[in-house]
């Protein structure tokens, strides 16, 4: 077996962990964890609402603030802005707390009202429904996307496999294997003192091992009879405290999205998803409008919100056990 490939630069694994024994400086108004985000793209915010009410998701912090301000100011200038997709939510993610159902989250996508004032109770359609299935060694999240409210031809499904011990969540989208890597247990991450949890997203290289190597492409289960380094010795793996730490070989070539949630005492009080749009040739994209988001970015937002929701559940369980 040859030497493992060097980790991508964005993993920061070449920096000794000991260099982060002191709290790092804050970059602008954001935690240091987001400093590797692409300079062009979206800074989506996932606002925490009541535990049973889900999340309200905006394309930016500014969009969320505009939405609150616009509630009490419905003049024609505001109406015109909202018709351009500015100052309205992108999604509402609705929680399902019934323990006997597999339903996990439902995403309502908001659309501008082109004939009247924006109405948050009417101007939306169901964009995605997520179900969660439990299995030994991993859990499965099934995303059923309905991007066109008028036609079922555009419907598609994503099946994401989340390892119960290793910090990886894998799924296939448009023929490529996508992975979200949970960096929350890294020593360096903990010394940030700014972010509760953090994930980085990348697309794996062809031939790079993944959980979906054991998937038949149809069901929500993995075939453990197939040789897969991530599915063997699951019990032994669970007993290893270092198993939760990311390894260089887990990463793809570059980071295309970052998910994190700032600690409550930091300036940001909500989840944030930084999404790379560097390769978009259009110089006139208005990233403050919900209309700027293409399907690839919308899918990333939905998956990231599911990861955040799962982290919230785990945090709530820890608090209840104390």
Protein backbone atom coordinates (compact mmCIF):
# COMPACT_ATOMS: atom_id res chain seq x y z
CA UNK A 1 0.00 0.00 0.00
CA UNK A 2 1.40 3.43 -0.96
CA UNK A 3 1.66 6.46 1.24
CA UNK A 4 -1.66 8.22 1.85
CA UNK A 5 -2.28 11.39 -0.13
CA UNK A 6 -1.59 14.70 1.57
CA UNK A 7 -4.74 16.29 2.99
CA UNK A 8 -6.31 19.19 1.11
CA UNK A 9 -5.10 22.60 2.26
CA UNK A 10 -8.50 23.54 3.67
CA UNK A 11 -8.32 20.83 6.33
CA UNK A 12 -5.59 22.84 8.07
CA UNK A 13 -4.00 19.56 9.20
CA UNK A 14 -0.51 20.89 8.58
CA UNK A 15 -0.87 23.30 11.50
CA UNK A 16 0.15 21.75 14.84
CA UNK A 17 -2.73 21.45 17.25
CA UNK A 18 -0.55 22.96 20.01
CA UNK A 19 -0.53 26.31 18.22
CA UNK A 20 -4.17 26.77 19.22
CA UNK A 21 -3.77 26.63 22.98
CA UNK A 22 -4.83 30.29 23.17
CA UNK A 23 -8.13 31.63 21.92
CA UNK A 24 -7.66 32.78 18.31
CA UNK A 25 -8.69 36.27 17.22
CA UNK A 26 -12.13 36.86 15.77
CA UNK A 27 -12.27 37.46 12.03
CA UNK A 28 -14.71 40.32 11.58
CA UNK A 29 -18.06 39.44 13.12
CA UNK A 30 -17.71 35.70 12.58
CA UNK A 31 -16.02 32.79 14.33
CA UNK A 32 -12.58 31.82 13.02
CA UNK A 33 -14.04 28.47 11.91
CA UNK A 34 -15.57 30.20 8.88
CA UNK A 35 -12.40 31.95 7.74
CA UNK A 36 -11.74 29.32 5.03
CA UNK A 37 -15.09 29.99 3.34
CA UNK A 38 -15.05 31.05 -0.30
CA UNK A 39 -15.14 34.82 -0.88
CA UNK A 40 -18.07 34.44 -3.26
CA UNK A 41 -21.30 32.68 -2.42
CA UNK A 42 -24.03 32.56 0.20
CA UNK A 43 -23.87 32.93 3.99
CA UNK A 44 -27.14 31.19 4.79
CA UNK A 45 -28.52 31.60 8.31
CA UNK A 46 -30.60 28.98 10.12
CA UNK A 47 -32.57 30.80 12.80
CA UNK A 48 -33.53 28.80 15.87
CA UNK A 49 -37.20 29.18 16.74
CA UNK A 50 -39.20 27.29 19.33
CA UNK A 51 -37.95 23.70 19.72
CA UNK A 52 -41.19 22.35 18.24
CA UNK A 53 -41.46 25.00 15.53
CA UNK A 54 -38.39 24.19 13.45
CA UNK A 55 -36.08 26.68 11.76
CA UNK A 56 -36.56 29.71 9.56
CA UNK A 57 -33.79 29.88 6.97
CA UNK A 58 -32.55 32.99 5.13
CA UNK A 59 -29.96 33.56 2.40
CA UNK A 60 -28.09 35.90 4.78
CA UNK A 61 -28.20 37.60 8.15
CA UNK A 62 -29.15 40.83 6.37
CA UNK A 63 -32.11 39.09 4.71
CA UNK A 64 -33.34 37.94 8.13
CA UNK A 65 -33.06 41.47 9.52
CA UNK A 66 -34.85 42.93 6.50
CA UNK A 67 -37.68 40.41 6.91
CA UNK A 68 -38.22 41.52 10.51
CA UNK A 69 -38.11 45.19 9.51
CA UNK A 70 -40.45 44.70 6.56
CA UNK A 71 -43.18 43.18 8.75
CA UNK A 72 -44.13 46.65 9.98
CA UNK A 73 -43.44 48.51 6.75
CA UNK A 74 -45.38 47.30 3.76
CA UNK A 75 -44.96 50.29 1.42
CA UNK A 76 -44.47 49.75 -2.32
CA UNK A 77 -40.67 49.90 -2.06
CA UNK A 78 -40.75 46.97 0.37
CA UNK A 79 -43.21 45.09 -1.83
CA UNK A 80 -40.92 45.61 -4.85
CA UNK A 81 -37.88 44.31 -2.95
CA UNK A 82 -39.75 41.22 -1.77
CA UNK A 83 -40.92 40.54 -5.33
CA UNK A 84 -37.22 40.38 -6.23
CA UNK A 85 -36.72 37.78 -3.48
CA UNK A 86 -35.07 40.21 -1.05
CA UNK A 87 -36.09 40.24 2.61
CA UNK A 88 -38.12 37.02 2.57
CA UNK A 89 -37.20 33.60 4.03
CA UNK A 90 -35.68 30.92 1.84
CA UNK A 91 -37.11 27.96 3.77
CA UNK A 92 -38.94 26.98 6.86
CA UNK A 93 -37.83 23.58 8.16
CA UNK A 94 -40.71 22.03 10.10
CA UNK A 95 -39.86 19.55 12.85
CA UNK A 96 -41.73 16.27 13.29
CA UNK A 97 -41.69 15.18 16.93
CA UNK A 98 -44.02 12.19 16.73
CA UNK A 99 -41.83 9.26 17.92
CA UNK A 100 -43.70 6.67 15.84
CA UNK A 101 -43.06 8.34 12.48
CA UNK A 102 -39.92 8.30 10.35
CA UNK A 103 -40.58 11.89 9.26
CA UNK A 104 -37.68 14.10 10.32
CA UNK A 105 -38.00 17.51 8.63
CA UNK A 106 -40.19 19.10 5.99
CA UNK A 107 -38.84 22.07 4.01
CA UNK A 108 -41.25 24.74 2.84
CA UNK A 109 -39.68 26.89 0.14
CA UNK A 110 -40.90 30.47 0.01
CA UNK A 111 -41.49 32.24 -3.30
CA UNK A 112 -42.02 35.95 -4.04
CA UNK A 113 -45.60 37.06 -4.57
CA UNK A 114 -45.67 38.79 -7.96
CA UNK A 115 -49.24 40.07 -7.67
CA UNK A 116 -49.49 41.27 -4.08
CA UNK A 117 -47.72 41.53 -0.73
CA UNK A 118 -45.64 38.60 0.49
CA UNK A 119 -47.64 36.35 2.84
CA UNK A 120 -45.54 33.93 4.87
CA UNK A 121 -48.56 31.72 5.53
CA UNK A 122 -49.42 31.28 1.84
CA UNK A 123 -46.44 31.95 -0.42
CA UNK A 124 -44.62 28.64 -0.17
CA UNK A 125 -44.65 25.06 -1.42
CA UNK A 126 -43.20 21.79 -0.10
CA UNK A 127 -39.67 21.54 -1.49
CA UNK A 128 -38.31 18.54 0.39
CA UNK A 129 -39.43 15.94 2.94
CA UNK A 130 -36.87 14.04 4.99
CA UNK A 131 -37.27 10.67 6.68
CA UNK A 132 -34.83 9.11 9.12
CA UNK A 133 -34.16 5.37 9.42
CA UNK A 134 -32.07 3.71 12.14
CA UNK A 135 -29.63 0.88 11.39
CA UNK A 136 -26.78 -0.82 13.24
CA UNK A 137 -23.64 1.24 12.75
CA UNK A 138 -25.27 4.02 10.74
CA UNK A 139 -28.44 6.00 10.22
CA UNK A 140 -30.10 6.88 6.93
CA UNK A 141 -31.74 10.14 5.90
CA UNK A 142 -33.97 9.94 2.83
CA UNK A 143 -34.57 13.29 1.10
CA UNK A 144 -37.52 13.43 -1.29
CA UNK A 145 -37.18 16.62 -3.34
CA UNK A 146 -40.12 18.18 -5.19
CA UNK A 147 -38.47 21.29 -6.72
CA UNK A 148 -41.28 22.08 -9.16
CA UNK A 149 -44.64 22.55 -7.49
CA UNK A 150 -46.42 22.20 -10.85
CA UNK A 151 -44.72 19.07 -12.21
CA UNK A 152 -43.43 15.82 -10.73
CA UNK A 153 -40.95 15.30 -13.59
CA UNK A 154 -38.25 17.20 -11.71
CA UNK A 155 -38.62 15.14 -8.51
CA UNK A 156 -35.55 13.33 -7.22
CA UNK A 157 -34.32 11.53 -4.13
CA UNK A 158 -31.09 11.59 -2.12
CA UNK A 159 -30.20 8.90 0.41
CA UNK A 160 -27.58 10.01 2.94
CA UNK A 161 -25.78 7.54 5.20
CA UNK A 162 -24.49 8.93 8.50
CA UNK A 163 -21.95 6.74 10.28
CA UNK A 164 -22.76 6.22 13.97
CA UNK A 165 -19.11 6.55 15.05
CA UNK A 166 -16.94 7.93 12.26
CA UNK A 167 -17.46 11.64 11.49
CA UNK A 168 -18.73 11.12 7.94
CA UNK A 169 -22.07 11.46 6.14
CA UNK A 170 -22.09 10.29 2.51
CA UNK A 171 -24.58 10.52 -0.35
CA UNK A 172 -24.69 10.45 -4.13
CA UNK A 173 -25.86 13.53 -6.01
CA UNK A 174 -25.61 13.99 -9.78
CA UNK A 175 -23.34 10.97 -10.07
CA UNK A 176 -20.78 12.22 -7.53
CA UNK A 177 -20.20 11.17 -3.92
CA UNK A 178 -20.67 14.06 -1.51
CA UNK A 179 -19.44 14.00 2.07
CA UNK A 180 -20.02 16.15 5.14
CA UNK A 181 -17.26 15.71 7.74
CA UNK A 182 -17.99 16.46 11.39
CA UNK A 183 -14.99 18.35 12.77
CA UNK A 184 -16.54 19.02 16.18
CA UNK A 185 -14.27 16.58 18.04
CA UNK A 186 -10.95 17.91 16.74
CA UNK A 187 -8.69 19.32 19.45
CA UNK A 188 -8.11 22.44 17.40
CA UNK A 189 -11.86 22.89 16.94
CA UNK A 190 -12.52 22.77 20.67
CA UNK A 191 -9.93 25.47 21.33
CA UNK A 192 -11.80 27.95 19.14
CA UNK A 193 -14.21 28.56 22.07
CA UNK A 194 -16.62 30.05 19.54
CA UNK A 195 -18.56 27.35 17.72
CA UNK A 196 -20.70 24.52 19.13
CA UNK A 197 -20.19 22.21 16.16
CA UNK A 198 -18.80 22.33 12.65
CA UNK A 199 -18.94 20.39 9.39
CA UNK A 200 -17.11 20.76 6.09
CA UNK A 201 -18.47 19.53 2.78
CA UNK A 202 -16.52 18.22 -0.17
CA UNK A 203 -16.97 16.01 -3.22
CA UNK A 204 -14.88 12.84 -3.08
CA UNK A 205 -12.39 11.88 -5.76
CA UNK A 206 -13.22 8.95 -8.01
CA UNK A 207 -12.30 5.70 -6.26
CA UNK A 208 -12.12 7.29 -2.81
CA UNK A 209 -13.75 4.91 -0.25
CA UNK A 210 -17.20 5.88 1.01
CA UNK A 211 -20.23 4.44 2.75
CA UNK A 212 -22.15 4.40 -0.53
CA UNK A 213 -19.74 1.76 -1.87
CA UNK A 214 -21.99 -0.67 0.02
CA UNK A 215 -25.27 0.78 -1.28
CA UNK A 216 -27.41 -0.86 -3.96
CA UNK A 217 -28.65 2.51 -5.21
CA UNK A 218 -32.28 1.84 -4.33
CA UNK A 219 -32.95 1.02 -0.67
CA UNK A 220 -32.07 2.86 2.55
CA UNK A 221 -29.72 0.10 3.73
CA UNK A 222 -26.05 -0.76 3.25
CA UNK A 223 -24.83 -4.25 2.38
CA UNK A 224 -22.37 -5.13 5.13
CA UNK A 225 -21.29 -8.23 3.22
CA UNK A 226 -19.46 -5.99 0.78
CA UNK A 227 -15.91 -5.12 1.78
CA UNK A 228 -15.91 -1.60 3.17
CA UNK A 229 -13.29 -0.23 5.61
CA UNK A 230 -15.93 2.00 7.20
CA UNK A 231 -18.27 -0.87 8.08
CA UNK A 232 -15.96 -3.51 9.50
CA UNK A 233 -15.23 -3.94 13.23
CA UNK A 234 -18.04 -1.56 14.15
CA UNK A 235 -18.05 -2.55 17.84
CA UNK A 236 -14.30 -2.12 18.17
CA UNK A 237 -14.55 1.18 16.34
CA UNK A 238 -17.18 2.42 18.79
CA UNK A 239 -14.85 1.78 21.73
CA UNK A 240 -12.05 3.81 20.17
CA UNK A 241 -12.27 7.45 21.36
CA UNK A 242 -10.17 8.60 18.41
CA UNK A 243 -12.61 7.18 15.87
CA UNK A 244 -14.62 10.42 15.90
CA UNK A 245 -11.61 12.45 14.77
CA UNK A 246 -11.43 13.35 11.05
CA UNK A 247 -8.56 11.84 9.08
CA UNK A 248 -6.89 13.42 6.02
CA UNK A 249 -8.18 10.62 3.78
CA UNK A 250 -11.79 11.50 4.61
CA UNK A 251 -11.63 14.75 2.63
CA UNK A 252 -12.21 15.46 -1.03
CA UNK A 253 -10.18 17.89 -3.11
CA UNK A 254 -11.68 21.12 -1.83
CA UNK A 255 -14.21 22.45 0.64
CA UNK A 256 -17.39 23.67 -1.05
CA UNK A 257 -19.50 24.44 2.03
CA UNK A 258 -19.06 24.97 5.77
CA UNK A 259 -21.71 24.48 8.47
CA UNK A 260 -21.37 25.72 12.02
CA UNK A 261 -23.27 27.23 14.91
CA UNK A 262 -21.76 29.91 17.10
CA UNK A 263 -21.85 29.56 20.87
CA UNK A 264 -24.71 31.51 22.46
CA UNK A 265 -22.36 34.12 23.95
CA UNK A 266 -20.81 34.91 20.56
CA UNK A 267 -22.17 37.61 18.24
CA UNK A 268 -24.02 35.10 16.05
CA UNK A 269 -26.85 33.18 17.67
CA UNK A 270 -27.82 30.86 14.86
CA UNK A 271 -26.56 28.19 12.51
CA UNK A 272 -24.71 29.32 9.42
CA UNK A 273 -23.94 27.62 6.10
CA UNK A 274 -21.24 29.12 3.88
CA UNK A 275 -21.68 27.90 0.30
CA UNK A 276 -19.09 28.33 -2.45
CA UNK A 277 -20.27 29.87 -5.74
CA UNK A 278 -16.81 30.69 -7.13
CA UNK A 279 -17.38 29.03 -10.49
CA UNK A 280 -20.55 30.91 -11.36
CA UNK A 281 -19.69 32.99 -14.47
CA UNK A 282 -22.51 35.48 -13.88
CA UNK A 283 -21.04 38.66 -12.31
CA UNK A 284 -24.47 40.09 -11.51
CA UNK A 285 -25.75 37.52 -9.02
CA UNK A 286 -27.56 39.15 -6.09
CA UNK A 287 -26.76 36.84 -3.18
CA UNK A 288 -29.29 38.69 -1.02
CA UNK A 289 -32.17 37.32 -3.10
CA UNK A 290 -33.73 33.88 -2.65
CA UNK A 291 -33.95 33.77 -6.46
CA UNK A 292 -30.14 33.56 -6.68
CA UNK A 293 -30.03 30.05 -5.26
CA UNK A 294 -29.67 27.25 -7.78
CA UNK A 295 -30.61 23.63 -7.08
CA UNK A 296 -27.13 22.51 -5.99
CA UNK A 297 -27.03 25.20 -3.31
CA UNK A 298 -30.58 24.46 -2.16
CA UNK A 299 -29.69 20.79 -1.72
CA UNK A 300 -26.66 21.74 0.40
CA UNK A 301 -28.86 23.93 2.60
CA UNK A 302 -31.36 21.11 3.17
CA UNK A 303 -28.67 18.57 4.04
CA UNK A 304 -26.86 21.02 6.32
CA UNK A 305 -30.11 21.81 8.15
CA UNK A 306 -30.68 18.10 8.78
CA UNK A 307 -27.17 17.85 10.26
CA UNK A 308 -27.87 20.85 12.48
CA UNK A 309 -31.20 19.39 13.59
CA UNK A 310 -29.47 16.13 14.55
CA UNK A 311 -26.87 18.05 16.57
CA UNK A 312 -29.68 19.91 18.36
CA UNK A 313 -31.32 16.59 19.28
CA UNK A 314 -28.04 15.25 20.66
CA UNK A 315 -27.43 18.43 22.66
CA UNK A 316 -30.94 18.30 24.11
CA UNK A 317 -30.42 14.65 25.11
CA UNK A 318 -27.16 15.56 26.90
CA UNK A 319 -28.87 18.34 28.83
CA UNK A 320 -31.73 16.05 29.84
CA UNK A 321 -29.31 13.45 31.21
CA UNK A 322 -27.44 15.94 33.42
